[in-house]
Amino acid sequence: MTLTRSEIERVLGPIDEHLAAEIAATEATEVDLTKALAWLDADEARVNEGDHLPTGKVAELIGILETADDEDGYSLPSRQSEDWAQ
């Protein structure tokens, strides 16, 4: 099921329509998006803990979010307190 804009904004906060559409087009889940955000927030720590690099939808979302963060001036929210590995 495709993520809705409200589901995306529940995880990321307010975003523009282009970014929301790009994320929805991945057909990822809200859990995938939460995992991607958690990975971006603590990638070095995750690698140091022995976590494998993300693949699939999570990796695709990471690429989209990194690009948006770098090019569009979008600031990713911090999610360090959430345990994404469930």
Protein backbone atom coordinates (compact mmCIF):
# COMPACT_ATOMS: atom_id res chain seq x y z
CA MET A 1 0.00 0.00 0.00
CA THR A 2 1.35 3.41 -0.96
CA LEU A 3 2.20 5.80 1.85
CA THR A 4 -0.17 8.71 2.20
CA ARG A 5 1.07 12.25 2.63
CA SER A 6 -0.14 12.28 6.25
CA GLU A 7 1.80 9.08 7.01
CA ILE A 8 4.93 10.54 5.43
CA GLU A 9 4.57 13.79 7.36
CA ARG A 10 3.94 11.87 10.59
CA VAL A 11 7.48 10.51 10.19
CA LEU A 12 9.25 13.45 8.50
CA GLY A 13 7.23 16.50 9.44
CA PRO A 14 6.13 19.04 6.82
CA ILE A 15 7.58 18.41 3.36
CA ASP A 16 6.88 19.71 -0.12
CA GLU A 17 4.64 17.87 -2.58
CA HIS A 18 7.50 16.81 -4.85
CA LEU A 19 9.34 15.02 -2.02
CA ALA A 20 6.11 13.44 -0.76
CA ALA A 21 5.33 12.14 -4.26
CA GLU A 22 8.85 10.77 -4.70
CA ILE A 23 8.63 8.92 -1.38
CA ALA A 24 5.13 7.58 -2.12
CA ALA A 25 6.30 6.33 -5.52
CA THR A 26 8.71 3.91 -3.82
CA GLU A 27 5.72 1.95 -2.48
CA ALA A 28 7.57 1.68 0.83
CA THR A 29 5.81 1.34 4.17
CA GLU A 30 5.80 3.74 7.09
CA VAL A 31 8.11 1.30 8.89
CA ASP A 32 10.54 1.46 5.94
CA LEU A 33 10.49 5.26 6.08
CA THR A 34 11.08 5.25 9.84
CA LYS A 35 14.01 2.86 9.40
CA ALA A 36 15.51 5.03 6.65
CA LEU A 37 15.28 8.11 8.83
CA ALA A 38 16.79 6.29 11.81
CA TRP A 39 19.66 5.06 9.64
CA LEU A 40 20.39 8.56 8.37
CA ASP A 41 20.31 9.89 11.90
CA ALA A 42 22.87 7.39 13.22
CA ASP A 43 24.55 5.65 10.27
CA GLU A 44 28.05 5.61 11.75
CA ALA A 45 26.81 4.21 15.05
CA ARG A 46 24.79 1.53 13.25
CA VAL A 47 27.84 0.41 11.26
CA ASN A 48 29.97 0.40 14.41
CA GLU A 49 27.36 -1.82 16.09
CA GLY A 50 27.68 -4.29 13.22
CA ASP A 51 24.39 -3.50 11.49
CA HIS A 52 24.33 -4.29 7.80
CA LEU A 53 23.85 -1.48 5.32
CA PRO A 54 20.20 -1.10 4.38
CA THR A 55 18.88 -2.62 1.17
CA GLY A 56 15.65 -2.54 -0.79
CA LYS A 57 13.04 0.10 -0.03
CA VAL A 58 14.94 1.44 3.00
CA ALA A 59 18.05 2.05 0.89
CA GLU A 60 15.94 3.69 -1.82
CA LEU A 61 14.35 6.00 0.76
CA ILE A 62 17.75 6.87 2.22
CA GLY A 63 18.90 7.98 -1.22
CA ILE A 64 15.82 10.16 -1.68
CA LEU A 65 16.13 11.72 1.78
CA GLU A 66 19.87 12.34 1.43
CA THR A 67 19.32 14.07 -1.90
CA ALA A 68 16.49 16.20 -0.49
CA ASP A 69 18.60 17.09 2.53
CA ASP A 70 21.59 18.06 0.38
CA GLU A 71 19.95 19.73 -2.62
CA ASP A 72 16.63 21.09 -1.45
CA GLY A 73 17.68 22.44 1.92
CA TYR A 74 15.23 20.08 3.60
CA SER A 75 16.31 19.37 7.17
CA LEU A 76 15.68 15.84 8.36
CA PRO A 77 14.14 15.51 11.83
CA SER A 78 16.14 13.71 14.50
CA ARG A 79 14.76 10.31 15.48
CA GLN A 80 17.59 8.89 17.61
CA SER A 81 15.31 8.00 20.48
CA GLU A 82 13.29 5.54 18.40
CA ASP A 83 14.25 1.90 18.16
CA TRP A 84 13.91 1.20 14.45
CA ALA A 85 15.13 -2.37 14.56
CA GLN A 86 11.76 -3.87 15.51
